[in-house]
Amino acid sequence: MTDANIHPSVILIRDRLRDIFPDVKLPLEVIGWHIRQSTPIETICSNIATEILVYGQAVDPRKSQAEEHTASNVPTTISTPIATTNDDTLQTLYDVFNSIPRDHIDNAYARLKNANNPNWYDDIVNELLSYDGDKSATNKRSTDQMIVDDIFVPDEYNRLFAVLPDLDPDYALQRYMQYLEHSSSKPDLNVLITNLIEHGYVKLTEKLERSRNERLKQNLREPKFEINEFLKTFPNPLEYFYDRTKNVSESYKSHAFIYLANAFARVPIGHIREILSNHN
């Protein structure tokens, strides 16, 4: 499947993240889910990048919401679909694209599912994304969004990224709209590009780094013990922490001594050192 068949917003987000995380898999359906929530592109990139930095992968939001969506979308009457609802993949499409009629999803699923095409699932997701853009996105637009759409020129906007590939998408849109408001009837985009180069601009990596730092600060202020993350570092904690034969660094011994000395202030320091020595 070529990029020509993929929703433009999905391409933009995928390529931005791929430039920063070339080795991380970025499922199109996950990006599509975020787009369907009417979330700004910069926010989507920032959130997914933060997930990759923290968890090593893009988190699938559908997993945490699947039961909630399923409970709210139980049909009152059962028709005979083209494909059975016992198919986990089809049920996932129902859950994620819950605003699209199920017969449309059934039709796309039956028509595009092909074992000989490794990208058949992406083809279905992109078709459903296009349907959502045609049917429901218009109803959700605010007045400001309508104004943006009326005067927005995709080719010129994309040209900004061709010249400044690290430009933050939301900042680019803001500057582009300001530029159109203060320019003549036939504005020259080179003027805006030159201005951005000479005076600086907000880079996507800078926003991602700020978001990451805020996430780290939040974790320091309100630390949360995650057993899954702990087990990734220590798969067998009992064996690791109770192994008295392994070598430990002087720094480890020093930290252990300081902790015990503070925790047991009434115990003689010499006795604490003796216990540490006996237990490695």
Protein backbone atom coordinates (compact mmCIF):
# COMPACT_ATOMS: atom_id res chain seq x y z
CA MET A 1 0.00 0.00 0.00
CA THR A 2 1.41 3.37 -1.06
CA ASP A 3 1.27 6.61 0.89
CA ALA A 4 -1.18 7.94 -1.70
CA ASN A 5 -3.80 5.63 -0.20
CA ILE A 6 -3.18 6.72 3.40
CA HIS A 7 -4.97 9.56 5.17
CA PRO A 8 -2.68 12.68 4.95
CA SER A 9 -2.79 13.34 8.70
CA VAL A 10 -1.71 9.77 9.41
CA ILE A 11 1.25 10.18 7.03
CA LEU A 12 2.30 13.44 8.68
CA ILE A 13 2.24 12.02 12.20
CA ARG A 14 3.85 8.73 11.19
CA ASP A 15 6.72 10.45 9.35
CA ARG A 16 7.36 12.92 12.18
CA LEU A 17 7.64 10.14 14.74
CA ARG A 18 9.56 7.84 12.41
CA ASP A 19 12.25 10.53 11.99
CA ILE A 20 12.72 10.57 15.77
CA PHE A 21 12.14 6.86 16.49
CA PRO A 22 13.16 4.99 13.30
CA ASP A 23 13.19 1.57 15.02
CA VAL A 24 9.80 1.80 16.75
CA LYS A 25 6.72 0.31 15.09
CA LEU A 26 3.93 2.87 14.64
CA PRO A 27 0.61 1.11 13.90
CA LEU A 28 -1.57 3.20 11.59
CA GLU A 29 -4.73 2.24 13.45
CA VAL A 30 -3.34 3.71 16.69
CA ILE A 31 -2.54 7.01 14.97
CA GLY A 32 -5.97 6.91 13.37
CA TRP A 33 -7.64 6.48 16.75
CA HIS A 34 -5.97 9.64 18.04
CA ILE A 35 -7.02 11.58 14.94
CA ARG A 36 -10.62 10.50 15.43
CA GLN A 37 -10.59 12.10 18.89
CA SER A 38 -10.11 15.52 17.21
CA THR A 39 -6.76 15.87 18.99
CA PRO A 40 -4.26 18.42 17.53
CA ILE A 41 -1.45 16.89 15.50
CA GLU A 42 1.24 18.30 17.81
CA THR A 43 -0.50 16.82 20.83
CA ILE A 44 -0.77 13.42 19.15
CA CYS A 45 2.94 13.45 18.26
CA SER A 46 3.87 14.58 21.76
CA ASN A 47 1.71 11.98 23.51
CA ILE A 48 2.90 9.07 21.36
CA ALA A 49 6.53 10.18 21.66
CA THR A 50 6.19 10.35 25.44
CA GLU A 51 4.73 6.84 25.48
CA ILE A 52 7.67 5.58 23.41
CA LEU A 53 10.20 7.27 25.71
CA VAL A 54 8.52 5.86 28.84
CA TYR A 55 7.27 2.46 27.68
CA GLY A 56 9.39 1.76 24.59
CA GLN A 57 6.36 1.58 22.29
CA ALA A 58 3.23 3.39 21.21
CA VAL A 59 0.44 2.44 23.61
CA ASP A 60 -2.74 1.13 21.98
CA PRO A 61 -5.54 3.21 23.59
CA ARG A 62 -8.19 0.84 22.28
CA LYS A 63 -7.18 -1.84 24.78
CA SER A 64 -8.15 0.30 27.75
CA GLN A 65 -11.42 1.38 26.15
CA ALA A 66 -12.49 -1.79 24.37
CA GLU A 67 -14.79 -3.02 27.15
CA GLU A 68 -16.32 0.42 27.59
CA HIS A 69 -17.04 0.78 23.87
CA THR A 70 -18.37 -2.77 23.60
CA ALA A 71 -20.82 -2.23 26.47
CA SER A 72 -22.17 0.95 24.90
CA ASN A 73 -22.52 -0.50 21.41
CA VAL A 74 -24.41 -3.76 21.96
CA PRO A 75 -26.97 -3.88 19.12
CA THR A 76 -30.65 -4.19 20.03
CA THR A 77 -31.30 -6.26 16.93
CA ILE A 78 -29.00 -8.75 15.31
CA SER A 79 -28.68 -8.68 11.54
CA THR A 80 -26.76 -11.10 9.39
CA PRO A 81 -23.43 -9.39 8.74
CA ILE A 82 -21.13 -10.21 5.90
CA ALA A 83 -18.51 -11.33 8.44
CA THR A 84 -19.23 -12.81 11.87
CA THR A 85 -18.84 -10.62 14.96
CA ASN A 86 -16.86 -13.43 16.57
CA ASP A 87 -13.91 -12.23 14.52
CA ASP A 88 -11.71 -10.30 16.99
CA THR A 89 -10.40 -8.02 14.26
CA LEU A 90 -13.89 -7.07 13.11
CA GLN A 91 -14.99 -6.47 16.70
CA THR A 92 -12.00 -4.17 17.20
CA LEU A 93 -13.09 -2.17 14.16
CA TYR A 94 -16.59 -1.90 15.64
CA ASP A 95 -15.14 -0.64 18.93
CA VAL A 96 -12.79 1.93 17.43
CA PHE A 97 -15.05 3.21 14.64
CA ASN A 98 -18.22 3.16 16.73
CA SER A 99 -19.72 6.19 14.95
CA ILE A 100 -19.64 4.44 11.56
CA PRO A 101 -22.58 2.17 10.61
CA ARG A 102 -21.66 -1.46 11.10
CA ASP A 103 -22.89 -2.46 7.66
CA HIS A 104 -20.32 -0.07 6.17
CA ILE A 105 -17.59 -1.63 8.33
CA ASP A 106 -18.78 -5.13 7.35
CA ASN A 107 -18.66 -4.21 3.68
CA ALA A 108 -15.14 -2.75 3.89
CA TYR A 109 -13.97 -5.74 5.93
CA ALA A 110 -15.37 -8.33 3.51
CA ARG A 111 -14.13 -6.44 0.45
CA LEU A 112 -10.58 -5.65 1.60
CA LYS A 113 -9.65 -8.59 3.81
CA ASN A 114 -7.22 -10.64 1.76
CA ALA A 115 -4.71 -13.15 3.12
CA ASN A 116 -2.48 -12.48 0.10
CA ASN A 117 -2.24 -8.78 0.98
CA PRO A 118 -0.12 -8.21 4.13
CA ASN A 119 -1.48 -4.64 4.38
CA TRP A 120 -5.18 -5.49 4.19
CA TYR A 121 -5.86 -4.28 7.73
CA ASP A 122 -4.22 -0.91 7.05
CA ASP A 123 -6.33 -0.61 3.89
CA ILE A 124 -9.51 -1.10 5.92
CA VAL A 125 -8.43 1.40 8.59
CA ASN A 126 -7.65 4.05 6.00
CA GLU A 127 -10.98 3.59 4.24
CA LEU A 128 -12.82 3.98 7.54
CA LEU A 129 -10.76 7.04 8.41
CA SER A 130 -11.78 8.59 5.10
CA TYR A 131 -15.42 7.83 5.83
CA ASP A 132 -15.16 9.56 9.18
CA GLY A 133 -13.58 12.60 7.58
CA ASP A 134 -16.40 12.86 5.03
CA LYS A 135 -19.34 12.22 7.40
CA SER A 136 -18.70 13.35 10.95
CA ALA A 137 -15.70 15.66 11.04
CA THR A 138 -17.68 18.52 9.47
CA ASN A 139 -20.23 18.41 12.29
CA LYS A 140 -17.50 18.72 14.92
CA ARG A 141 -15.72 21.72 13.44
CA SER A 142 -15.73 24.95 15.37
CA THR A 143 -16.14 28.33 13.67
CA ASP A 144 -12.39 28.89 13.84
CA GLN A 145 -11.74 25.53 12.20
CA MET A 146 -14.16 26.37 9.38
CA ILE A 147 -12.31 29.61 8.74
CA VAL A 148 -9.01 27.73 8.64
CA ASP A 149 -10.39 25.16 6.20
CA ASP A 150 -11.81 27.83 3.91
CA ILE A 151 -8.47 29.55 3.29
CA PHE A 152 -6.06 26.71 4.00
CA VAL A 153 -3.77 25.67 1.14
CA PRO A 154 -2.35 22.15 1.80
CA ASP A 155 0.41 22.40 -0.81
CA GLU A 156 1.83 25.57 0.72
CA TYR A 157 1.52 24.19 4.24
CA ASN A 158 3.34 21.00 3.23
CA ARG A 159 6.02 23.09 1.54
CA LEU A 160 6.95 24.50 4.94
CA PHE A 161 7.86 20.99 6.11
CA ALA A 162 9.77 20.27 2.92
CA VAL A 163 12.08 23.18 3.77
CA LEU A 164 11.91 22.87 7.59
CA PRO A 165 11.32 19.17 8.33
CA ASP A 166 11.71 19.61 12.10
CA LEU A 167 9.07 22.35 12.31
CA ASP A 168 6.35 21.81 14.91
CA PRO A 169 3.02 21.20 13.03
CA ASP A 170 0.82 23.30 15.32
CA TYR A 171 3.30 26.17 15.38
CA ALA A 172 3.57 25.95 11.59
CA LEU A 173 -0.20 26.23 11.20
CA GLN A 174 -0.36 29.19 13.60
CA ARG A 175 2.39 31.10 11.78
CA TYR A 176 0.95 30.21 8.38
CA MET A 177 -2.50 31.57 9.30
CA GLN A 178 -0.96 34.75 10.75
CA TYR A 179 1.06 35.13 7.57
CA LEU A 180 -2.04 34.88 5.37
CA GLU A 181 -3.89 37.45 7.48
CA HIS A 182 -1.16 40.06 7.09
CA SER A 183 -0.13 39.35 3.51
CA SER A 184 -1.37 40.65 0.17
CA SER A 185 -3.83 38.80 -2.05
CA LYS A 186 -0.93 36.86 -3.59
CA PRO A 187 1.44 36.14 -0.69
CA ASP A 188 4.90 34.73 -1.29
CA LEU A 189 5.57 31.77 1.02
CA ASN A 190 9.33 32.35 0.71
CA VAL A 191 8.91 35.44 2.90
CA LEU A 192 7.50 33.32 5.74
CA ILE A 193 10.16 30.63 5.32
CA THR A 194 12.94 33.21 5.37
CA ASN A 195 11.44 34.82 8.49
CA LEU A 196 11.30 31.47 10.29
CA ILE A 197 14.89 30.65 9.40
CA GLU A 198 16.22 34.06 10.44
CA HIS A 199 14.24 34.48 13.67
CA GLY A 200 13.90 30.86 14.75
CA TYR A 201 10.91 28.59 15.13
CA VAL A 202 9.49 25.96 17.48
CA LYS A 203 10.88 22.52 16.71
CA LEU A 204 8.91 19.34 17.26
CA THR A 205 11.81 17.74 19.11
CA GLU A 206 11.89 20.65 21.56
CA LYS A 207 8.23 20.20 22.41
CA LEU A 208 8.68 16.47 22.75
CA GLU A 209 11.63 17.01 25.08
CA ARG A 210 9.63 19.47 27.20
CA SER A 211 6.78 17.00 27.38
CA ARG A 212 9.17 14.23 28.39
CA ASN A 213 10.74 16.40 31.10
CA GLU A 214 7.31 17.33 32.45
CA ARG A 215 6.40 13.66 32.56
CA LEU A 216 9.60 12.85 34.45
CA LYS A 217 9.01 15.72 36.90
CA GLN A 218 5.47 14.50 37.47
CA ASN A 219 6.77 11.01 38.19
CA LEU A 220 9.25 12.44 40.69
CA ARG A 221 6.55 14.50 42.42
CA GLU A 222 4.06 11.64 42.46
CA PRO A 223 6.05 8.41 42.03
CA LYS A 224 4.03 5.38 41.02
CA PHE A 225 5.24 1.84 41.50
CA GLU A 226 4.42 -0.18 38.38
CA ILE A 227 4.91 -3.89 38.95
CA ASN A 228 5.18 -4.60 35.22
CA GLU A 229 7.99 -2.08 34.78
CA PHE A 230 9.71 -3.40 37.91
CA LEU A 231 9.61 -6.97 36.58
CA LYS A 232 11.09 -5.83 33.27
CA THR A 233 14.18 -4.70 35.18
CA PHE A 234 14.15 -7.54 37.73
CA PRO A 235 12.40 -10.58 36.16
CA ASN A 236 13.22 -12.69 39.23
CA PRO A 237 13.43 -10.23 42.16
CA LEU A 238 13.77 -12.86 44.91
CA GLU A 239 16.74 -14.46 43.22
CA TYR A 240 18.32 -11.09 42.48
CA PHE A 241 17.92 -9.40 45.87
CA TYR A 242 18.60 -12.46 48.03
CA ASP A 243 21.71 -13.54 46.15
CA ARG A 244 24.54 -13.00 48.65
CA THR A 245 27.22 -14.23 46.27
CA LYS A 246 27.01 -11.48 43.68
CA ASN A 247 29.48 -8.62 43.74
CA VAL A 248 28.11 -5.21 44.72
CA SER A 249 29.70 -1.84 44.06
CA GLU A 250 31.12 0.44 46.73
CA SER A 251 28.46 2.97 45.82
CA TYR A 252 25.75 0.38 46.52
CA LYS A 253 27.32 -0.43 49.90
CA SER A 254 27.55 3.25 50.78
CA HIS A 255 23.89 3.91 49.92
CA ALA A 256 22.78 0.83 51.86
CA PHE A 257 24.76 1.91 54.92
CA ILE A 258 23.37 5.47 54.85
CA TYR A 259 19.81 4.18 54.49
CA LEU A 260 20.15 1.71 57.38
CA ALA A 261 21.93 4.24 59.59
CA ASN A 262 19.06 6.69 59.12
CA ALA A 263 16.34 4.05 59.47
CA PHE A 264 17.87 2.54 62.64
CA ALA A 265 19.33 5.60 64.34
CA ARG A 266 19.48 3.88 67.76
CA VAL A 267 21.55 0.95 66.49
CA PRO A 268 25.34 1.40 66.81
CA ILE A 269 26.99 2.21 63.51
CA GLY A 270 29.60 -0.50 64.03
CA HIS A 271 26.88 -3.13 64.37
CA ILE A 272 25.25 -1.96 61.12
CA ARG A 273 28.56 -2.20 59.29
CA GLU A 274 29.11 -5.70 60.68
CA ILE A 275 25.69 -6.89 59.48
CA LEU A 276 26.27 -5.41 56.03
CA SER A 277 29.64 -7.13 55.82
CA ASN A 278 28.21 -10.50 56.86
CA HIS A 279 25.41 -10.27 54.30
CA ASN A 280 27.47 -8.83 51.45
